[in-house]
């Protein structure tokens, strides 16, 4: 059965307390569900990006990349979080 929507906010084990699964296992699970796209959005960095992209390429899944980032004001007070996403495999022409 083909997955009908892409997961856009997935944290890997490289995001302590927010994700527990290694990027390769996340891709395996997405492929088993019939996904053709999976975004990895680790918390405050791109820690699992290389492993994610390599695993997606091996599984024939488009890899999206992003990060769930903390936002602070000029006084370094937390304002919240923002998730930035990119689809590096999207056709540009």
N, C-alpha and C. Protein backbone atom coordinates (compact mmCIF):
# COMPACT_ATOMS: atom_id res chain seq x y z
N UNK A 1 0.84 -1.18 0.00
CA UNK A 1 0.00 0.00 0.00
C UNK A 1 0.89 1.24 0.00
N UNK A 2 0.61 2.16 -0.89
CA UNK A 2 1.40 3.38 -1.01
C UNK A 2 0.95 4.41 0.04
N UNK A 3 1.92 5.02 0.68
CA UNK A 3 1.64 6.05 1.67
C UNK A 3 1.08 7.28 0.96
N UNK A 4 0.02 7.87 1.49
CA UNK A 4 -0.67 8.96 0.80
C UNK A 4 -0.20 10.36 1.20
N UNK A 5 0.72 10.47 2.13
CA UNK A 5 1.22 11.79 2.52
C UNK A 5 2.67 11.66 2.97
N UNK A 6 3.44 12.72 2.80
CA UNK A 6 4.84 12.66 3.24
C UNK A 6 4.99 13.09 4.70
N UNK A 7 5.87 12.42 5.41
CA UNK A 7 6.20 12.85 6.78
C UNK A 7 7.23 13.96 6.67
N UNK A 8 6.92 15.12 7.22
CA UNK A 8 7.78 16.30 7.08
C UNK A 8 8.51 16.68 8.36
N UNK A 9 8.17 16.06 9.47
CA UNK A 9 8.78 16.45 10.75
C UNK A 9 9.15 15.20 11.52
N UNK A 10 10.31 14.62 11.18
CA UNK A 10 10.76 13.37 11.78
C UNK A 10 12.14 13.60 12.39
N UNK A 11 12.27 13.30 13.67
CA UNK A 11 13.56 13.44 14.35
C UNK A 11 14.20 12.06 14.48
N UNK A 12 15.50 12.02 14.29
CA UNK A 12 16.24 10.75 14.42
C UNK A 12 16.84 10.63 15.82
N UNK A 13 17.59 9.56 16.01
CA UNK A 13 18.27 9.34 17.29
C UNK A 13 19.33 10.39 17.56
N UNK A 14 19.66 11.19 16.54
CA UNK A 14 20.62 12.28 16.74
C UNK A 14 19.98 13.49 17.42
N UNK A 15 18.69 13.41 17.71
CA UNK A 15 17.97 14.45 18.46
C UNK A 15 17.58 13.86 19.81
N UNK A 16 18.50 13.87 20.80
CA UNK A 16 18.22 13.25 22.09
C UNK A 16 16.92 13.76 22.70
N UNK A 17 16.16 12.85 23.25
CA UNK A 17 14.86 13.10 23.90
C UNK A 17 13.73 13.37 22.91
N UNK A 18 14.01 13.44 21.61
CA UNK A 18 12.97 13.74 20.62
C UNK A 18 12.87 12.67 19.55
N UNK A 19 13.92 11.89 19.36
CA UNK A 19 13.91 10.81 18.40
C UNK A 19 14.78 9.68 18.93
N UNK A 20 14.43 8.45 18.60
CA UNK A 20 15.18 7.31 19.11
C UNK A 20 15.66 6.37 18.01
N UNK A 21 15.26 6.62 16.79
CA UNK A 21 15.55 5.71 15.69
C UNK A 21 16.62 6.30 14.77
N UNK A 22 17.56 5.46 14.36
CA UNK A 22 18.61 5.90 13.44
C UNK A 22 18.01 6.19 12.06
N UNK A 23 18.61 7.11 11.30
CA UNK A 23 18.05 7.49 10.00
C UNK A 23 17.81 6.30 9.07
N UNK A 24 18.72 5.34 9.04
CA UNK A 24 18.55 4.18 8.15
C UNK A 24 17.29 3.39 8.49
N UNK A 25 17.01 3.22 9.78
CA UNK A 25 15.81 2.50 10.19
C UNK A 25 14.55 3.29 9.88
N UNK A 26 14.60 4.60 10.01
CA UNK A 26 13.45 5.44 9.63
C UNK A 26 13.13 5.27 8.15
N UNK A 27 14.16 5.26 7.33
CA UNK A 27 13.97 5.09 5.88
C UNK A 27 13.42 3.70 5.59
N UNK A 28 13.94 2.67 6.26
CA UNK A 28 13.42 1.32 6.06
C UNK A 28 11.93 1.25 6.38
N UNK A 29 11.52 1.89 7.47
CA UNK A 29 10.11 1.89 7.86
C UNK A 29 9.26 2.65 6.85
N UNK A 30 9.78 3.79 6.36
CA UNK A 30 9.04 4.56 5.36
C UNK A 30 8.90 3.78 4.06
N UNK A 31 9.97 3.11 3.65
CA UNK A 31 9.93 2.30 2.42
C UNK A 31 8.93 1.16 2.56
N UNK A 32 8.91 0.53 3.72
CA UNK A 32 7.96 -0.57 3.96
C UNK A 32 6.52 -0.08 3.92
N UNK A 33 6.30 1.19 4.26
CA UNK A 33 4.96 1.78 4.22
C UNK A 33 4.60 2.31 2.83
N UNK A 34 5.55 2.21 1.89
CA UNK A 34 5.28 2.66 0.53
C UNK A 34 5.55 4.13 0.28
N UNK A 35 6.31 4.77 1.16
CA UNK A 35 6.60 6.19 1.01
C UNK A 35 7.54 6.43 -0.15
N UNK A 36 7.38 7.58 -0.81
CA UNK A 36 8.34 7.96 -1.85
C UNK A 36 9.11 9.22 -1.45
N UNK A 37 8.83 9.76 -0.25
CA UNK A 37 9.49 10.95 0.27
C UNK A 37 9.52 10.87 1.79
N UNK A 38 10.64 11.26 2.39
CA UNK A 38 10.74 11.33 3.84
C UNK A 38 11.68 12.47 4.21
N UNK A 39 11.22 13.37 5.05
CA UNK A 39 12.06 14.48 5.52
C UNK A 39 12.60 14.14 6.91
N UNK A 40 13.85 14.46 7.13
CA UNK A 40 14.47 14.32 8.44
C UNK A 40 14.68 15.71 9.00
N UNK A 41 14.09 15.99 10.16
CA UNK A 41 14.20 17.32 10.77
C UNK A 41 14.71 17.17 12.20
N UNK A 42 15.99 16.94 12.32
CA UNK A 42 16.58 16.81 13.65
C UNK A 42 16.50 18.14 14.40
N UNK A 43 16.56 18.05 15.70
CA UNK A 43 16.41 19.22 16.57
C UNK A 43 17.72 19.98 16.66
N UNK A 44 17.68 21.24 16.28
CA UNK A 44 18.80 22.18 16.38
C UNK A 44 20.03 21.77 15.58
N UNK A 45 19.84 21.04 14.50
CA UNK A 45 20.98 20.70 13.64
C UNK A 45 20.61 19.72 12.54
N UNK A 46 21.59 19.43 11.71
CA UNK A 46 21.43 18.50 10.59
C UNK A 46 22.24 17.23 10.85
N UNK A 47 22.18 16.74 12.06
CA UNK A 47 23.08 15.69 12.53
C UNK A 47 22.97 14.39 11.75
N UNK A 48 21.78 13.98 11.37
CA UNK A 48 21.62 12.72 10.66
C UNK A 48 21.46 12.88 9.16
N UNK A 49 21.73 14.07 8.63
CA UNK A 49 21.44 14.37 7.22
C UNK A 49 22.17 13.45 6.24
N UNK A 50 23.44 13.24 6.41
CA UNK A 50 24.20 12.43 5.45
C UNK A 50 23.69 10.99 5.45
N UNK A 51 23.51 10.41 6.62
CA UNK A 51 23.00 9.04 6.68
C UNK A 51 21.59 8.95 6.11
N UNK A 52 20.78 9.97 6.35
CA UNK A 52 19.41 10.00 5.84
C UNK A 52 19.40 10.03 4.31
N UNK A 53 20.17 10.92 3.73
CA UNK A 53 20.20 11.04 2.27
C UNK A 53 20.73 9.75 1.64
N UNK A 54 21.77 9.18 2.20
CA UNK A 54 22.32 7.93 1.65
C UNK A 54 21.32 6.79 1.75
N UNK A 55 20.62 6.68 2.88
CA UNK A 55 19.64 5.61 3.05
C UNK A 55 18.46 5.80 2.11
N UNK A 56 18.03 7.05 1.94
CA UNK A 56 16.92 7.32 1.02
C UNK A 56 17.32 6.97 -0.42
N UNK A 57 18.52 7.33 -0.83
CA UNK A 57 18.99 7.01 -2.18
C UNK A 57 19.00 5.50 -2.39
N UNK A 58 19.47 4.76 -1.40
CA UNK A 58 19.53 3.30 -1.51
C UNK A 58 18.14 2.68 -1.59
N UNK A 59 17.16 3.32 -0.93
CA UNK A 59 15.80 2.78 -0.90
C UNK A 59 14.91 3.33 -2.02
N UNK A 60 15.44 4.27 -2.80
CA UNK A 60 14.64 4.86 -3.87
C UNK A 60 13.60 5.85 -3.38
N UNK A 61 13.88 6.49 -2.26
CA UNK A 61 12.98 7.47 -1.66
C UNK A 61 13.62 8.85 -1.78
N UNK A 62 12.83 9.86 -2.14
CA UNK A 62 13.35 11.23 -2.14
C UNK A 62 13.59 11.67 -0.70
N UNK A 63 14.71 12.32 -0.49
CA UNK A 63 15.10 12.75 0.86
C UNK A 63 14.86 14.23 1.04
N UNK A 64 14.09 14.59 2.04
CA UNK A 64 13.95 15.98 2.44
C UNK A 64 14.81 16.22 3.67
N UNK A 65 15.30 17.43 3.80
CA UNK A 65 16.13 17.77 4.96
C UNK A 65 15.58 19.02 5.63
N UNK A 66 15.77 19.07 6.93
CA UNK A 66 15.32 20.24 7.66
C UNK A 66 15.90 20.23 9.06
N UNK A 67 15.50 21.21 9.82
CA UNK A 67 15.93 21.31 11.21
C UNK A 67 14.84 22.00 12.01
N UNK A 68 14.63 21.53 13.21
CA UNK A 68 13.71 22.13 14.17
C UNK A 68 14.56 23.03 15.06
N UNK A 69 14.47 24.33 14.84
CA UNK A 69 15.41 25.28 15.45
C UNK A 69 14.76 26.14 16.53
N UNK A 70 15.53 26.40 17.58
CA UNK A 70 15.10 27.32 18.63
C UNK A 70 15.30 28.75 18.14
N UNK A 71 14.37 29.62 18.49
CA UNK A 71 14.45 31.05 18.13
C UNK A 71 14.50 31.85 19.42
N UNK A 72 15.45 32.80 19.47
CA UNK A 72 15.62 33.65 20.65
C UNK A 72 15.60 35.11 20.24
N UNK A 73 15.28 35.99 21.19
CA UNK A 73 15.32 37.42 20.90
C UNK A 73 16.74 37.96 21.16
N UNK A 74 16.90 39.26 21.04
CA UNK A 74 18.22 39.87 21.22
C UNK A 74 18.78 39.70 22.63
N UNK A 75 17.92 39.45 23.58
CA UNK A 75 18.34 39.24 24.97
C UNK A 75 18.52 37.74 25.27
N UNK A 76 18.46 36.92 24.24
CA UNK A 76 18.63 35.46 24.34
C UNK A 76 17.49 34.78 25.09
N UNK A 77 16.33 35.42 25.10
CA UNK A 77 15.15 34.79 25.69
C UNK A 77 14.48 33.94 24.62
N UNK A 78 14.02 32.74 24.97
CA UNK A 78 13.40 31.88 23.98
C UNK A 78 12.06 32.44 23.49
N UNK A 79 11.88 32.40 22.18
CA UNK A 79 10.63 32.86 21.58
C UNK A 79 9.80 31.70 21.04
N UNK A 80 10.39 30.55 20.92
CA UNK A 80 9.70 29.39 20.38
C UNK A 80 10.61 28.62 19.45
N UNK A 81 10.00 27.88 18.55
CA UNK A 81 10.76 27.05 17.62
C UNK A 81 10.20 27.23 16.22
N UNK A 82 11.04 26.98 15.23
CA UNK A 82 10.63 27.03 13.84
C UNK A 82 11.25 25.82 13.14
N UNK A 83 10.50 25.22 12.25
CA UNK A 83 11.01 24.09 11.47
C UNK A 83 11.25 24.56 10.05
N UNK A 84 12.48 24.41 9.61
CA UNK A 84 12.86 24.77 8.24
C UNK A 84 13.03 23.49 7.43
N UNK A 85 12.45 23.45 6.24
CA UNK A 85 12.52 22.27 5.39
C UNK A 85 13.05 22.60 4.02
N UNK A 86 13.76 21.65 3.44
CA UNK A 86 14.23 21.76 2.05
C UNK A 86 14.06 20.40 1.39
N UNK A 87 13.72 20.42 0.13
CA UNK A 87 13.63 19.19 -0.65
C UNK A 87 14.74 19.25 -1.68
N UNK A 88 15.94 18.77 -1.34
CA UNK A 88 17.09 18.91 -2.25
C UNK A 88 16.96 18.08 -3.51
N UNK A 89 15.99 17.18 -3.57
CA UNK A 89 15.84 16.34 -4.75
C UNK A 89 14.75 16.84 -5.68
N UNK A 90 14.14 17.97 -5.36
CA UNK A 90 13.05 18.50 -6.18
C UNK A 90 13.63 19.00 -7.51
N UNK A 91 13.02 18.64 -8.63
CA UNK A 91 13.55 19.09 -9.94
C UNK A 91 13.53 20.62 -10.03
N UNK A 92 14.61 21.19 -10.51
CA UNK A 92 14.71 22.65 -10.62
C UNK A 92 14.48 23.14 -12.03
N UNK A 93 14.36 22.28 -12.99
CA UNK A 93 14.13 22.75 -14.36
C UNK A 93 12.85 22.20 -14.93
